[in-house]
Amino acid sequence: MNKNVGKTDKIVRVILALCIIALGYVNQPWWGLIGVGILIPAIVASDPLYTLFKINTNKN
């Protein structure tokens, strides 16, 4: 698996995902699923959409 998510990208994704998950906890449960979908590529450091569009924010 190609690591294509950089450090700044990870931080932004984690903060955004946690906010969306909290919104899902308060309002609609399906918002939490969207948040988890954003969080998983940040943890794994690989995003399939980045691979599809040939985007790489990892500076290594």
PDB file of N, CA and C in Angstrom:
ATOM      1  N   MET A   1       0.843  -1.173   0.000  1.00  0.00           N
ATOM      2  CA  MET A   1       0.000   0.000   0.000  1.00  0.00           C
ATOM      3  C   MET A   1       0.891   1.241   0.000  1.00  0.00           C
ATOM      4  N   ASN A   2       0.645   2.125  -0.925  1.00  0.00           N
ATOM      5  CA  ASN A   2       1.435   3.334  -1.076  1.00  0.00           C
ATOM      6  C   ASN A   2       0.964   4.400  -0.083  1.00  0.00           C
ATOM      7  N   LYS A   3       1.878   4.931   0.707  1.00  0.00           N
ATOM      8  CA  LYS A   3       1.532   5.985   1.660  1.00  0.00           C
ATOM      9  C   LYS A   3       1.546   7.317   0.931  1.00  0.00           C
ATOM     10  N   ASN A   4       0.358   7.927   0.790  1.00  0.00           N
ATOM     11  CA  ASN A   4       0.259   9.166   0.033  1.00  0.00           C
ATOM     12  C   ASN A   4      -0.418  10.286   0.821  1.00  0.00           C
ATOM     13  N   VAL A   5      -0.522  10.135   2.146  1.00  0.00           N
ATOM     14  CA  VAL A   5      -1.129  11.156   2.996  1.00  0.00           C
ATOM     15  C   VAL A   5      -0.045  11.708   3.906  1.00  0.00           C
ATOM     16  N   GLY A   6       0.230  13.012   3.790  1.00  0.00           N
ATOM     17  CA  GLY A   6       1.272  13.652   4.580  1.00  0.00           C
ATOM     18  C   GLY A   6       0.826  14.019   5.986  1.00  0.00           C
ATOM     19  N   LYS A   7       1.769  14.561   6.762  1.00  0.00           N
ATOM     20  CA  LYS A   7       1.532  14.866   8.173  1.00  0.00           C
ATOM     21  C   LYS A   7       0.455  15.931   8.356  1.00  0.00           C
ATOM     22  N   THR A   8       0.530  17.030   7.633  1.00  0.00           N
ATOM     23  CA  THR A   8      -0.469  18.093   7.751  1.00  0.00           C
ATOM     24  C   THR A   8      -1.833  17.598   7.308  1.00  0.00           C
ATOM     25  N   ASP A   9      -1.859  16.829   6.258  1.00  0.00           N
ATOM     26  CA  ASP A   9      -3.105  16.246   5.755  1.00  0.00           C
ATOM     27  C   ASP A   9      -3.732  15.337   6.811  1.00  0.00           C
ATOM     28  N   LYS A  10      -2.907  14.546   7.494  1.00  0.00           N
ATOM     29  CA  LYS A  10      -3.401  13.665   8.558  1.00  0.00           C
ATOM     30  C   LYS A  10      -4.038  14.462   9.686  1.00  0.00           C
ATOM     31  N   ILE A  11      -3.363  15.518  10.125  1.00  0.00           N
ATOM     32  CA  ILE A  11      -3.865  16.331  11.228  1.00  0.00           C
ATOM     33  C   ILE A  11      -5.208  16.951  10.877  1.00  0.00           C
ATOM     34  N   VAL A  12      -5.308  17.510   9.677  1.00  0.00           N
ATOM     35  CA  VAL A  12      -6.562  18.125   9.236  1.00  0.00           C
ATOM     36  C   VAL A  12      -7.666  17.082   9.155  1.00  0.00           C
ATOM     37  N   ARG A  13      -7.356  15.912   8.621  1.00  0.00           N
ATOM     38  CA  ARG A  13      -8.356  14.847   8.497  1.00  0.00           C
ATOM     39  C   ARG A  13      -8.840  14.364   9.861  1.00  0.00           C
ATOM     40  N   VAL A  14      -7.927  14.201  10.811  1.00  0.00           N
ATOM     41  CA  VAL A  14      -8.316  13.722  12.139  1.00  0.00           C
ATOM     42  C   VAL A  14      -9.221  14.737  12.828  1.00  0.00           C
ATOM     43  N   ILE A  15      -8.857  16.016  12.776  1.00  0.00           N
ATOM     44  CA  ILE A  15      -9.691  17.053  13.398  1.00  0.00           C
ATOM     45  C   ILE A  15     -11.059  17.114  12.734  1.00  0.00           C
ATOM     46  N   LEU A  16     -11.094  17.102  11.418  1.00  0.00           N
ATOM     47  CA  LEU A  16     -12.354  17.136  10.688  1.00  0.00           C
ATOM     48  C   LEU A  16     -13.197  15.898  10.993  1.00  0.00           C
ATOM     49  N   ALA A  17     -12.567  14.734  11.005  1.00  0.00           N
ATOM     50  CA  ALA A  17     -13.291  13.488  11.268  1.00  0.00           C
ATOM     51  C   ALA A  17     -13.878  13.478  12.674  1.00  0.00           C
ATOM     52  N   LEU A  18     -13.120  13.932  13.659  1.00  0.00           N
ATOM     53  CA  LEU A  18     -13.630  13.945  15.027  1.00  0.00           C
ATOM     54  C   LEU A  18     -14.803  14.909  15.181  1.00  0.00           C
ATOM     55  N   CYS A  19     -14.741  16.040  14.491  1.00  0.00           N
ATOM     56  CA  CYS A  19     -15.866  16.985  14.517  1.00  0.00           C
ATOM     57  C   CYS A  19     -17.110  16.369  13.877  1.00  0.00           C
ATOM     58  N   ILE A  20     -16.944  15.691  12.762  1.00  0.00           N
ATOM     59  CA  ILE A  20     -18.080  15.071  12.079  1.00  0.00           C
ATOM     60  C   ILE A  20     -18.636  13.906  12.892  1.00  0.00           C
ATOM     61  N   ILE A  21     -17.751  13.135  13.529  1.00  0.00           N
ATOM     62  CA  ILE A  21     -18.220  12.038  14.375  1.00  0.00           C
ATOM     63  C   ILE A  21     -19.012  12.585  15.558  1.00  0.00           C
ATOM     64  N   ALA A  22     -18.553  13.676  16.151  1.00  0.00           N
ATOM     65  CA  ALA A  22     -19.290  14.305  17.261  1.00  0.00           C
ATOM     66  C   ALA A  22     -20.641  14.813  16.772  1.00  0.00           C
ATOM     67  N   LEU A  23     -20.684  15.384  15.593  1.00  0.00           N
ATOM     68  CA  LEU A  23     -21.940  15.835  15.006  1.00  0.00           C
ATOM     69  C   LEU A  23     -22.886  14.656  14.802  1.00  0.00           C
ATOM     70  N   GLY A  24     -22.344  13.536  14.368  1.00  0.00           N
ATOM     71  CA  GLY A  24     -23.155  12.333  14.204  1.00  0.00           C
ATOM     72  C   GLY A  24     -23.676  11.806  15.519  1.00  0.00           C
ATOM     73  N   TYR A  25     -22.895  11.942  16.562  1.00  0.00           N
ATOM     74  CA  TYR A  25     -23.329  11.492  17.879  1.00  0.00           C
ATOM     75  C   TYR A  25     -24.491  12.345  18.382  1.00  0.00           C
ATOM     76  N   VAL A  26     -24.453  13.639  18.084  1.00  0.00           N
ATOM     77  CA  VAL A  26     -25.489  14.558  18.553  1.00  0.00           C
ATOM     78  C   VAL A  26     -26.721  14.525  17.647  1.00  0.00           C
ATOM     79  N   ASN A  27     -26.544  14.505  16.351  1.00  0.00           N
ATOM     80  CA  ASN A  27     -27.663  14.644  15.414  1.00  0.00           C
ATOM     81  C   ASN A  27     -28.055  13.341  14.733  1.00  0.00           C
ATOM     82  N   GLN A  28     -27.395  13.044  13.654  1.00  0.00           N
ATOM     83  CA  GLN A  28     -27.746  11.902  12.809  1.00  0.00           C
ATOM     84  C   GLN A  28     -26.620  10.871  12.837  1.00  0.00           C
ATOM     85  N   PRO A  29     -26.915   9.608  13.120  1.00  0.00           N
ATOM     86  CA  PRO A  29     -25.864   8.586  13.196  1.00  0.00           C
ATOM     87  C   PRO A  29     -25.069   8.405  11.907  1.00  0.00           C
ATOM     88  N   TRP A  30     -25.677   8.666  10.749  1.00  0.00           N
ATOM     89  CA  TRP A  30     -24.945   8.459   9.498  1.00  0.00           C
ATOM     90  C   TRP A  30     -23.817   9.467   9.329  1.00  0.00           C
ATOM     91  N   TRP A  31     -23.860  10.599  10.030  1.00  0.00           N
ATOM     92  CA  TRP A  31     -22.736  11.545   9.999  1.00  0.00           C
ATOM     93  C   TRP A  31     -21.487  10.898  10.587  1.00  0.00           C
ATOM     94  N   GLY A  32     -21.688  10.074  11.606  1.00  0.00           N
ATOM     95  CA  GLY A  32     -20.562   9.369  12.204  1.00  0.00           C
ATOM     96  C   GLY A  32     -19.871   8.450  11.219  1.00  0.00           C
ATOM     97  N   LEU A  33     -20.640   7.825  10.344  1.00  0.00           N
ATOM     98  CA  LEU A  33     -20.042   6.958   9.313  1.00  0.00           C
ATOM     99  C   LEU A  33     -19.192   7.760   8.337  1.00  0.00           C
ATOM    100  N   ILE A  34     -19.644   8.944   8.007  1.00  0.00           N
ATOM    101  CA  ILE A  34     -18.842   9.808   7.127  1.00  0.00           C
ATOM    102  C   ILE A  34     -17.535  10.181   7.817  1.00  0.00           C
ATOM    103  N   GLY A  35     -17.617  10.498   9.103  1.00  0.00           N
ATOM    104  CA  GLY A  35     -16.417  10.835   9.872  1.00  0.00           C
ATOM    105  C   GLY A  35     -15.433   9.680   9.929  1.00  0.00           C
ATOM    106  N   VAL A  36     -15.939   8.468  10.111  1.00  0.00           N
ATOM    107  CA  VAL A  36     -15.068   7.286  10.137  1.00  0.00           C
ATOM    108  C   VAL A  36     -14.425   7.084   8.766  1.00  0.00           C
ATOM    109  N   GLY A  37     -15.176   7.352   7.710  1.00  0.00           N
ATOM    110  CA  GLY A  37     -14.624   7.245   6.356  1.00  0.00           C
ATOM    111  C   GLY A  37     -13.500   8.225   6.092  1.00  0.00           C
ATOM    112  N   ILE A  38     -13.520   9.341   6.783  1.00  0.00           N
ATOM    113  CA  ILE A  38     -12.432  10.327   6.662  1.00  0.00           C
ATOM    114  C   ILE A  38     -11.269   9.944   7.574  1.00  0.00           C
ATOM    115  N   LEU A  39     -11.572   9.346   8.713  1.00  0.00           N
ATOM    116  CA  LEU A  39     -10.553   9.016   9.706  1.00  0.00           C
ATOM    117  C   LEU A  39      -9.673   7.839   9.291  1.00  0.00           C
ATOM    118  N   ILE A  40     -10.241   6.831   8.677  1.00  0.00           N
ATOM    119  CA  ILE A  40      -9.483   5.622   8.330  1.00  0.00           C
ATOM    120  C   ILE A  40      -8.295   5.908   7.406  1.00  0.00           C
ATOM    121  N   PRO A  41      -8.446   6.666   6.315  1.00  0.00           N
ATOM    122  CA  PRO A  41      -7.259   6.956   5.496  1.00  0.00           C
ATOM    123  C   PRO A  41      -6.194   7.769   6.237  1.00  0.00           C
ATOM    124  N   ALA A  42      -6.606   8.575   7.213  1.00  0.00           N
ATOM    125  CA  ALA A  42      -5.623   9.329   7.994  1.00  0.00           C
ATOM    126  C   ALA A  42      -4.803   8.389   8.865  1.00  0.00           C
ATOM    127  N   ILE A  43      -5.435   7.378   9.432  1.00  0.00           N
ATOM    128  CA  ILE A  43      -4.729   6.429  10.289  1.00  0.00           C
ATOM    129  C   ILE A  43      -3.802   5.535   9.466  1.00  0.00           C
ATOM    130  N   VAL A  44      -4.285   5.083   8.322  1.00  0.00           N
ATOM    131  CA  VAL A  44      -3.523   4.155   7.486  1.00  0.00           C
ATOM    132  C   VAL A  44      -2.473   4.892   6.638  1.00  0.00           C
ATOM    133  N   ALA A  45      -2.637   6.200   6.460  1.00  0.00           N
ATOM    134  CA  ALA A  45      -1.746   7.054   5.663  1.00  0.00           C
ATOM    135  C   ALA A  45      -1.814   6.738   4.178  1.00  0.00           C
ATOM    136  N   SER A  46      -2.917   6.189   3.732  1.00  0.00           N
ATOM    137  CA  SER A  46      -3.101   5.903   2.319  1.00  0.00           C
ATOM    138  C   SER A  46      -4.554   6.153   1.942  1.00  0.00           C
ATOM    139  N   ASP A  47      -4.759   6.965   0.925  1.00  0.00           N
ATOM    140  CA  ASP A  47      -6.105   7.292   0.475  1.00  0.00           C
ATOM    141  C   ASP A  47      -6.288   6.778  -0.953  1.00  0.00           C
ATOM    142  N   PRO A  48      -7.284   5.899  -1.176  1.00  0.00           N
ATOM    143  CA  PRO A  48      -7.491   5.361  -2.519  1.00  0.00           C
ATOM    144  C   PRO A  48      -7.866   6.429  -3.548  1.00  0.00           C
ATOM    145  N   LEU A  49      -8.572   7.466  -3.122  1.00  0.00           N
ATOM    146  CA  LEU A  49      -8.909   8.537  -4.065  1.00  0.00           C
ATOM    147  C   LEU A  49      -7.659   9.323  -4.482  1.00  0.00           C
ATOM    148  N   TYR A  50      -6.719   9.506  -3.547  1.00  0.00           N
ATOM    149  CA  TYR A  50      -5.458  10.155  -3.901  1.00  0.00           C
ATOM    150  C   TYR A  50      -4.714   9.322  -4.937  1.00  0.00           C
ATOM    151  N   THR A  51      -4.744   8.007  -4.786  1.00  0.00           N
ATOM    152  CA  THR A  51      -4.091   7.135  -5.756  1.00  0.00           C
ATOM    153  C   THR A  51      -4.765   7.249  -7.122  1.00  0.00           C
ATOM    154  N   LEU A  52      -6.084   7.288  -7.125  1.00  0.00           N
ATOM    155  CA  LEU A  52      -6.837   7.386  -8.368  1.00  0.00           C
ATOM    156  C   LEU A  52      -6.515   8.667  -9.123  1.00  0.00           C
ATOM    157  N   PHE A  53      -6.416   9.786  -8.386  1.00  0.00           N
ATOM    158  CA  PHE A  53      -6.142  11.078  -9.011  1.00  0.00           C
ATOM    159  C   PHE A  53      -4.661  11.457  -9.004  1.00  0.00           C
ATOM    160  N   LYS A  54      -3.802  10.518  -8.577  1.00  0.00           N
ATOM    161  CA  LYS A  54      -2.346  10.703  -8.555  1.00  0.00           C
ATOM    162  C   LYS A  54      -1.927  11.918  -7.734  1.00  0.00           C
ATOM    163  N   ILE A  55      -2.513  12.028  -6.532  1.00  0.00           N
ATOM    164  CA  ILE A  55      -2.177  13.087  -5.584  1.00  0.00           C
ATOM    165  C   ILE A  55      -1.318  12.460  -4.488  1.00  0.00           C
ATOM    166  N   ASN A  56      -0.277  13.172  -4.072  1.00  0.00           N
ATOM    167  CA  ASN A  56       0.585  12.680  -3.005  1.00  0.00           C
ATOM    168  C   ASN A  56       0.978  13.870  -2.126  1.00  0.00           C
ATOM    169  N   THR A  57       0.508  13.875  -0.864  1.00  0.00           N
ATOM    170  CA  THR A  57       0.869  14.941   0.058  1.00  0.00           C
ATOM    171  C   THR A  57       1.967  14.502   1.012  1.00  0.00           C
ATOM    172  N   ASN A  58       2.457  13.275   0.856  1.00  0.00           N
ATOM    173  CA  ASN A  58       3.549  12.757   1.671  1.00  0.00           C
ATOM    174  C   ASN A  58       4.860  13.237   1.076  1.00  0.00           C
ATOM    175  N   LYS A  59       5.676  13.875   1.874  1.00  0.00           N
ATOM    176  CA  LYS A  59       6.923  14.474   1.372  1.00  0.00           C
ATOM    177  C   LYS A  59       8.097  13.509   1.326  1.00  0.00           C
ATOM    178  N   ASN A  60       7.904  12.248   1.652  1.00  0.00           N
ATOM    179  CA  ASN A  60       9.016  11.286   1.637  1.00  0.00           C
ATOM    180  C   ASN A  60       9.342  10.834   0.249  1.00  0.00           C
TER     181      ASN A  60
END
